[in-house]
């Protein structure tokens, strides 16, 4: 995408090539599980099976999902995660917006932690955004 349109297009902000991305991730996951379950041969079989199944599955879902939300479901669009307060206008991300609600602020600006980092931080008591170094406020 050449310019930022302030819309979060899926989880990686790129609505294109989701089937290929799914195949890569499925191949990596299949290789790891295959290696643990069946050694080197299992890794090869797992990688091929994981890539094929994930690629086909993600491509099928991609035909019907909403590429303008993080979750892929619902109507409308999710405001881009890197949209600043100054250019957001009235497009604040609230709990009525479809998608994954992370949000929040740190001493360095927007809280950029995703769900998994926030979950881990909750368990460990960490109050720092690892990407920006800001303390959660």
N, C-alpha and C. Protein backbone atom coordinates (compact mmCIF):
# COMPACT_ATOMS: atom_id res chain seq x y z
N UNK A 1 0.83 -1.17 0.00
CA UNK A 1 0.00 0.00 0.00
C UNK A 1 0.89 1.24 0.00
N UNK A 2 0.63 2.13 -0.89
CA UNK A 2 1.49 3.30 -1.04
C UNK A 2 1.27 4.33 0.06
N UNK A 3 0.02 4.58 0.44
CA UNK A 3 -0.25 5.58 1.47
C UNK A 3 -1.03 4.94 2.60
N UNK A 4 -0.91 5.53 3.79
CA UNK A 4 -1.63 5.03 4.94
C UNK A 4 -3.04 5.60 4.92
N UNK A 5 -4.04 4.73 4.87
CA UNK A 5 -5.43 5.19 4.83
C UNK A 5 -6.09 5.16 6.20
N UNK A 6 -5.30 4.93 7.26
CA UNK A 6 -5.78 4.91 8.64
C UNK A 6 -6.80 3.80 8.90
N UNK A 7 -6.75 2.73 8.11
CA UNK A 7 -7.60 1.56 8.32
C UNK A 7 -6.67 0.37 8.57
N UNK A 8 -6.95 -0.40 9.62
CA UNK A 8 -6.14 -1.59 9.92
C UNK A 8 -6.66 -2.73 9.05
N UNK A 9 -5.92 -3.08 7.99
CA UNK A 9 -6.33 -4.12 7.06
C UNK A 9 -5.84 -5.47 7.57
N UNK A 10 -6.64 -6.10 8.41
CA UNK A 10 -6.25 -7.39 8.96
C UNK A 10 -5.16 -7.24 10.00
N UNK A 11 -4.66 -8.36 10.45
CA UNK A 11 -3.73 -8.35 11.57
C UNK A 11 -2.35 -7.79 11.19
N UNK A 12 -1.97 -7.89 9.91
CA UNK A 12 -0.65 -7.37 9.50
C UNK A 12 -0.76 -6.10 8.67
N UNK A 13 -1.93 -5.50 8.60
CA UNK A 13 -2.19 -4.26 7.87
C UNK A 13 -1.92 -4.40 6.37
N UNK A 14 -2.03 -5.61 5.85
CA UNK A 14 -1.85 -5.86 4.43
C UNK A 14 -2.90 -6.88 3.99
N UNK A 15 -3.92 -6.44 3.22
CA UNK A 15 -4.99 -7.35 2.85
C UNK A 15 -4.64 -8.30 1.71
N UNK A 16 -3.44 -8.25 1.21
CA UNK A 16 -3.07 -9.05 0.05
C UNK A 16 -2.23 -10.27 0.44
N UNK A 17 -2.40 -11.36 -0.29
CA UNK A 17 -1.56 -12.55 -0.12
C UNK A 17 -1.79 -13.32 1.16
N UNK A 18 -3.02 -13.27 1.70
CA UNK A 18 -3.28 -13.96 2.96
C UNK A 18 -3.10 -15.48 2.83
N UNK A 19 -3.49 -16.05 1.69
CA UNK A 19 -3.32 -17.49 1.49
C UNK A 19 -1.85 -17.90 1.54
N UNK A 20 -1.01 -17.10 0.91
CA UNK A 20 0.43 -17.40 0.91
C UNK A 20 1.02 -17.24 2.31
N UNK A 21 0.57 -16.20 3.04
CA UNK A 21 1.06 -16.01 4.41
C UNK A 21 0.61 -17.18 5.29
N UNK A 22 -0.62 -17.63 5.09
CA UNK A 22 -1.11 -18.78 5.85
C UNK A 22 -0.33 -20.04 5.54
N UNK A 23 0.04 -20.23 4.28
CA UNK A 23 0.82 -21.40 3.89
C UNK A 23 2.20 -21.39 4.56
N UNK A 24 2.83 -20.22 4.59
CA UNK A 24 4.15 -20.12 5.23
C UNK A 24 4.05 -20.44 6.72
N UNK A 25 3.10 -19.81 7.39
CA UNK A 25 2.94 -20.05 8.82
C UNK A 25 2.56 -21.50 9.11
N UNK A 26 1.67 -22.05 8.29
CA UNK A 26 1.28 -23.45 8.47
C UNK A 26 2.45 -24.39 8.22
N UNK A 27 3.28 -24.06 7.24
CA UNK A 27 4.46 -24.88 6.97
C UNK A 27 5.44 -24.87 8.12
N UNK A 28 5.66 -23.70 8.70
CA UNK A 28 6.57 -23.60 9.85
C UNK A 28 6.01 -24.37 11.03
N UNK A 29 4.74 -24.16 11.32
CA UNK A 29 4.11 -24.88 12.43
C UNK A 29 4.11 -26.38 12.22
N UNK A 30 3.80 -26.80 10.99
CA UNK A 30 3.81 -28.23 10.68
C UNK A 30 5.19 -28.84 10.81
N UNK A 31 6.20 -28.10 10.42
CA UNK A 31 7.58 -28.59 10.53
C UNK A 31 7.97 -28.78 11.98
N UNK A 32 7.62 -27.83 12.83
CA UNK A 32 7.97 -27.93 14.25
C UNK A 32 7.26 -29.12 14.89
N UNK A 33 5.95 -29.21 14.67
CA UNK A 33 5.20 -30.33 15.25
C UNK A 33 5.68 -31.65 14.68
N UNK A 34 5.91 -31.69 13.37
CA UNK A 34 6.40 -32.91 12.74
C UNK A 34 7.76 -33.33 13.27
N UNK A 35 8.64 -32.38 13.49
CA UNK A 35 9.96 -32.67 14.03
C UNK A 35 9.85 -33.27 15.42
N UNK A 36 9.01 -32.68 16.25
CA UNK A 36 8.83 -33.19 17.61
C UNK A 36 8.18 -34.58 17.62
N UNK A 37 7.26 -34.80 16.69
CA UNK A 37 6.53 -36.07 16.68
C UNK A 37 7.26 -37.17 15.93
N UNK A 38 7.98 -36.81 14.86
CA UNK A 38 8.54 -37.87 14.03
C UNK A 38 9.95 -37.63 13.54
N UNK A 39 10.67 -36.72 14.15
CA UNK A 39 12.05 -36.47 13.74
C UNK A 39 12.12 -35.74 12.41
N UNK A 40 13.25 -35.84 11.72
CA UNK A 40 13.46 -35.10 10.47
C UNK A 40 12.44 -35.44 9.37
N UNK A 41 12.08 -36.70 9.24
CA UNK A 41 11.09 -37.08 8.23
C UNK A 41 9.73 -36.47 8.59
N UNK A 42 9.40 -36.51 9.87
CA UNK A 42 8.16 -35.91 10.34
C UNK A 42 8.11 -34.41 10.08
N UNK A 43 9.28 -33.76 10.20
CA UNK A 43 9.34 -32.33 9.95
C UNK A 43 9.00 -32.01 8.50
N UNK A 44 9.53 -32.80 7.58
CA UNK A 44 9.26 -32.57 6.15
C UNK A 44 7.78 -32.82 5.85
N UNK A 45 7.27 -33.94 6.34
CA UNK A 45 5.86 -34.26 6.10
C UNK A 45 4.96 -33.20 6.74
N UNK A 46 5.28 -32.80 7.98
CA UNK A 46 4.49 -31.79 8.67
C UNK A 46 4.52 -30.45 7.96
N UNK A 47 5.68 -30.07 7.44
CA UNK A 47 5.80 -28.79 6.74
C UNK A 47 4.93 -28.78 5.49
N UNK A 48 4.98 -29.85 4.72
CA UNK A 48 4.20 -29.92 3.49
C UNK A 48 2.70 -29.94 3.80
N UNK A 49 2.32 -30.79 4.76
CA UNK A 49 0.89 -30.88 5.11
C UNK A 49 0.39 -29.59 5.72
N UNK A 50 1.18 -29.00 6.61
CA UNK A 50 0.77 -27.75 7.26
C UNK A 50 0.65 -26.61 6.27
N UNK A 51 1.60 -26.52 5.35
CA UNK A 51 1.55 -25.44 4.36
C UNK A 51 0.33 -25.60 3.45
N UNK A 52 0.09 -26.82 2.99
CA UNK A 52 -1.04 -27.05 2.08
C UNK A 52 -2.37 -26.76 2.78
N UNK A 53 -2.55 -27.32 3.97
CA UNK A 53 -3.82 -27.16 4.67
C UNK A 53 -4.05 -25.71 5.07
N UNK A 54 -3.04 -25.06 5.59
CA UNK A 54 -3.19 -23.66 6.03
C UNK A 54 -3.41 -22.73 4.85
N UNK A 55 -2.67 -22.94 3.79
CA UNK A 55 -2.83 -22.10 2.60
C UNK A 55 -4.23 -22.18 2.04
N UNK A 56 -4.76 -23.39 1.92
CA UNK A 56 -6.10 -23.58 1.38
C UNK A 56 -7.14 -23.01 2.33
N UNK A 57 -6.98 -23.26 3.62
CA UNK A 57 -7.93 -22.76 4.61
C UNK A 57 -7.98 -21.24 4.67
N UNK A 58 -6.83 -20.61 4.72
CA UNK A 58 -6.78 -19.14 4.80
C UNK A 58 -7.31 -18.53 3.51
N UNK A 59 -6.99 -19.10 2.39
CA UNK A 59 -7.49 -18.58 1.11
C UNK A 59 -9.02 -18.66 1.06
N UNK A 60 -9.59 -19.74 1.58
CA UNK A 60 -11.05 -19.89 1.59
C UNK A 60 -11.70 -18.84 2.48
N UNK A 61 -11.14 -18.64 3.66
CA UNK A 61 -11.68 -17.63 4.58
C UNK A 61 -11.50 -16.23 3.99
N UNK A 62 -10.37 -16.00 3.33
CA UNK A 62 -10.07 -14.68 2.78
C UNK A 62 -11.10 -14.25 1.73
N UNK A 63 -11.75 -15.20 1.09
CA UNK A 63 -12.75 -14.85 0.08
C UNK A 63 -14.00 -14.24 0.71
N UNK A 64 -14.25 -14.50 2.00
CA UNK A 64 -15.49 -14.03 2.62
C UNK A 64 -15.27 -13.10 3.81
N UNK A 65 -14.04 -12.88 4.23
CA UNK A 65 -13.82 -12.04 5.41
C UNK A 65 -13.78 -10.56 5.06
N UNK A 66 -13.77 -9.73 6.08
CA UNK A 66 -13.68 -8.27 5.92
C UNK A 66 -12.23 -7.89 6.13
N UNK A 67 -11.54 -7.49 5.06
CA UNK A 67 -10.12 -7.14 5.15
C UNK A 67 -9.88 -5.80 5.83
N UNK A 68 -10.93 -5.12 6.23
CA UNK A 68 -10.78 -3.82 6.87
C UNK A 68 -10.97 -3.87 8.38
N UNK A 69 -10.99 -5.07 8.95
CA UNK A 69 -11.05 -5.21 10.41
C UNK A 69 -9.95 -6.17 10.83
N UNK A 70 -9.51 -6.06 12.08
CA UNK A 70 -8.45 -6.93 12.58
C UNK A 70 -8.94 -8.37 12.65
N UNK A 71 -10.18 -8.57 13.09
CA UNK A 71 -10.71 -9.92 13.25
C UNK A 71 -11.19 -10.53 11.94
N UNK A 72 -11.51 -9.70 10.93
CA UNK A 72 -12.04 -10.22 9.68
C UNK A 72 -13.54 -10.37 9.68
N UNK A 73 -14.19 -10.06 10.81
CA UNK A 73 -15.64 -10.19 10.89
C UNK A 73 -16.25 -8.82 11.14
N UNK A 74 -17.53 -8.71 10.89
CA UNK A 74 -18.24 -7.47 11.14
C UNK A 74 -18.20 -6.53 9.95
N UNK A 75 -18.94 -5.44 10.09
CA UNK A 75 -18.99 -4.43 9.05
C UNK A 75 -18.08 -3.27 9.42
N UNK A 76 -17.85 -2.39 8.48
CA UNK A 76 -17.06 -1.20 8.76
C UNK A 76 -15.57 -1.47 8.73
N UNK A 77 -14.83 -0.66 9.48
CA UNK A 77 -13.38 -0.74 9.47
C UNK A 77 -12.83 -0.46 10.86
N UNK A 78 -11.69 -1.06 11.15
CA UNK A 78 -10.98 -0.82 12.40
C UNK A 78 -9.94 0.26 12.13
N UNK A 79 -9.90 1.27 13.00
CA UNK A 79 -8.91 2.33 12.84
C UNK A 79 -7.52 1.74 12.93
N UNK A 80 -6.62 2.22 12.09
CA UNK A 80 -5.25 1.73 12.04
C UNK A 80 -4.56 1.91 13.38
N UNK A 81 -3.76 0.93 13.77
CA UNK A 81 -3.08 0.96 15.06
C UNK A 81 -2.09 2.11 15.16
N UNK A 82 -1.52 2.55 14.05
CA UNK A 82 -0.53 3.62 14.11
C UNK A 82 -1.13 4.99 13.84
N UNK A 83 -2.45 5.10 13.85
CA UNK A 83 -3.10 6.39 13.67
C UNK A 83 -2.88 7.22 14.94
N UNK A 84 -2.45 8.44 14.78
CA UNK A 84 -2.18 9.28 15.94
C UNK A 84 -3.44 10.01 16.36
N UNK A 85 -3.45 10.48 17.59
CA UNK A 85 -4.61 11.18 18.11
C UNK A 85 -4.94 12.39 17.25
N UNK A 86 -3.93 13.08 16.73
CA UNK A 86 -4.14 14.27 15.93
C UNK A 86 -4.89 14.03 14.63
N UNK A 87 -4.72 12.86 14.00
CA UNK A 87 -5.40 12.63 12.72
C UNK A 87 -6.53 11.62 12.82
N UNK A 88 -6.93 11.28 14.04
CA UNK A 88 -8.01 10.32 14.21
C UNK A 88 -9.39 10.96 14.09
N UNK A 89 -9.53 12.21 14.44
CA UNK A 89 -10.85 12.82 14.43
C UNK A 89 -11.76 12.11 15.40
N UNK A 90 -12.92 11.68 14.93
CA UNK A 90 -13.85 10.98 15.80
C UNK A 90 -13.77 9.47 15.63
N UNK A 91 -12.71 8.96 15.02
CA UNK A 91 -12.57 7.53 14.76
C UNK A 91 -11.86 6.83 15.91
N UNK A 92 -12.27 7.09 17.13
CA UNK A 92 -11.61 6.44 18.26
C UNK A 92 -12.00 4.98 18.30
N UNK A 93 -11.06 4.13 18.69
CA UNK A 93 -11.34 2.71 18.77
C UNK A 93 -12.00 2.42 20.10
N UNK A 94 -13.25 2.02 20.07
CA UNK A 94 -13.98 1.70 21.28
C UNK A 94 -14.42 0.25 21.27
N UNK A 95 -15.07 -0.16 22.31
CA UNK A 95 -15.50 -1.55 22.40
C UNK A 95 -16.64 -1.88 21.45
N UNK A 96 -17.22 -0.87 20.80
CA UNK A 96 -18.28 -1.15 19.83
C UNK A 96 -17.70 -1.37 18.43
N UNK A 97 -16.37 -1.30 18.28
CA UNK A 97 -15.72 -1.52 17.00
C UNK A 97 -15.39 -3.00 16.85
N UNK A 98 -15.76 -3.63 15.72
CA UNK A 98 -15.42 -5.04 15.55
C UNK A 98 -13.91 -5.24 15.54
N UNK A 99 -13.47 -6.36 16.00
CA UNK A 99 -12.04 -6.66 15.98
C UNK A 99 -11.48 -6.84 17.36
N UNK A 100 -10.20 -6.97 17.42
CA UNK A 100 -9.52 -7.21 18.69
C UNK A 100 -9.25 -5.86 19.35
N UNK A 101 -9.72 -5.70 20.56
CA UNK A 101 -9.55 -4.44 21.27
C UNK A 101 -8.29 -4.50 22.12
N UNK A 102 -7.27 -3.78 21.73
CA UNK A 102 -6.09 -3.69 22.58
C UNK A 102 -6.03 -2.29 23.14
N UNK A 103 -5.78 -1.30 22.33
CA UNK A 103 -5.85 0.09 22.75
C UNK A 103 -5.00 0.43 23.96
N UNK A 104 -5.22 1.62 24.50
CA UNK A 104 -4.51 2.08 25.67
C UNK A 104 -3.39 3.05 25.32
N UNK A 105 -2.82 3.65 26.35
CA UNK A 105 -1.76 4.62 26.18
C UNK A 105 -0.58 4.27 27.07
N UNK A 106 0.59 4.71 26.64
CA UNK A 106 1.80 4.58 27.44
C UNK A 106 2.44 5.96 27.53
N UNK A 107 3.50 6.05 28.30
CA UNK A 107 4.21 7.33 28.40
C UNK A 107 4.87 7.70 27.08
N UNK A 108 4.96 6.75 26.13
CA UNK A 108 5.55 7.02 24.82
C UNK A 108 4.49 7.19 23.73
N UNK A 109 3.21 7.18 24.08
CA UNK A 109 2.14 7.31 23.10
C UNK A 109 1.20 6.13 23.16
N UNK A 110 0.70 5.69 22.01
CA UNK A 110 -0.23 4.56 21.96
C UNK A 110 0.43 3.28 22.44
N UNK A 111 -0.34 2.47 23.17
CA UNK A 111 0.12 1.16 23.63
C UNK A 111 0.10 0.23 22.42
N UNK A 112 1.26 -0.24 21.97
CA UNK A 112 1.33 -1.07 20.76
C UNK A 112 1.35 -2.56 21.08
N UNK A 113 1.19 -2.91 22.36
CA UNK A 113 1.22 -4.33 22.72
C UNK A 113 0.00 -5.05 22.15
N UNK A 114 0.22 -6.24 21.64
CA UNK A 114 -0.88 -7.07 21.16
C UNK A 114 -1.44 -7.90 22.30
N UNK A 115 -2.40 -8.74 21.97
CA UNK A 115 -3.08 -9.54 22.98
C UNK A 115 -2.10 -10.43 23.74
N UNK A 116 -1.21 -11.11 23.03
CA UNK A 116 -0.31 -12.04 23.71
C UNK A 116 0.66 -11.32 24.63
N UNK A 117 1.18 -10.17 24.20
CA UNK A 117 2.09 -9.42 25.07
C UNK A 117 1.34 -8.90 26.29
N UNK A 118 0.11 -8.43 26.09
CA UNK A 118 -0.67 -7.94 27.23
C UNK A 118 -0.99 -9.07 28.21
N UNK A 119 -1.30 -10.24 27.67
CA UNK A 119 -1.60 -11.39 28.55
C UNK A 119 -0.36 -11.77 29.35
N UNK A 120 0.78 -11.83 28.68
CA UNK A 120 2.02 -12.17 29.39
C UNK A 120 2.36 -11.10 30.41
N UNK A 121 2.19 -9.84 30.04
CA UNK A 121 2.50 -8.74 30.96
C UNK A 121 1.59 -8.77 32.18
N UNK A 122 0.34 -9.16 31.99
CA UNK A 122 -0.58 -9.26 33.11
C UNK A 122 -0.11 -10.33 34.09
N UNK A 123 0.38 -11.44 33.56
CA UNK A 123 0.84 -12.53 34.42
C UNK A 123 2.15 -12.20 35.13
N UNK A 124 3.01 -11.43 34.47
CA UNK A 124 4.32 -11.13 35.06
C UNK A 124 4.37 -9.80 35.79
N UNK A 125 3.35 -8.96 35.59
CA UNK A 125 3.35 -7.64 36.21
C UNK A 125 4.14 -6.60 35.43
N UNK A 126 4.60 -6.95 34.24
CA UNK A 126 5.35 -6.02 33.40
C UNK A 126 4.42 -4.91 32.91
N UNK A 127 4.81 -3.66 33.07
CA UNK A 127 3.99 -2.53 32.64
C UNK A 127 4.67 -1.74 31.53
N UNK A 128 5.56 -2.39 30.78
CA UNK A 128 6.31 -1.71 29.73
C UNK A 128 5.94 -2.26 28.35
N UNK A 129 5.68 -1.35 27.40
CA UNK A 129 5.44 -1.73 26.01
C UNK A 129 6.82 -2.05 25.42
N UNK A 130 7.03 -3.31 25.05
CA UNK A 130 8.36 -3.75 24.58
C UNK A 130 8.80 -3.04 23.30
N UNK A 131 7.85 -2.64 22.45
CA UNK A 131 8.23 -2.00 21.18
C UNK A 131 8.66 -0.55 21.36
N UNK A 132 7.98 0.18 22.27
CA UNK A 132 8.29 1.61 22.42
C UNK A 132 9.05 1.94 23.69
N UNK A 133 9.03 1.03 24.66
CA UNK A 133 9.67 1.30 25.94
C UNK A 133 8.84 2.16 26.87
N UNK A 134 7.64 2.54 26.45
CA UNK A 134 6.78 3.38 27.28
C UNK A 134 6.14 2.58 28.39
N UNK A 135 5.89 3.24 29.50
CA UNK A 135 5.21 2.62 30.64
C UNK A 135 3.71 2.81 30.46
N UNK A 136 2.95 1.73 30.67
CA UNK A 136 1.50 1.78 30.50
C UNK A 136 0.93 2.72 31.55
N UNK A 137 0.05 3.62 31.09
CA UNK A 137 -0.57 4.59 32.01
C UNK A 137 -2.03 4.23 32.23
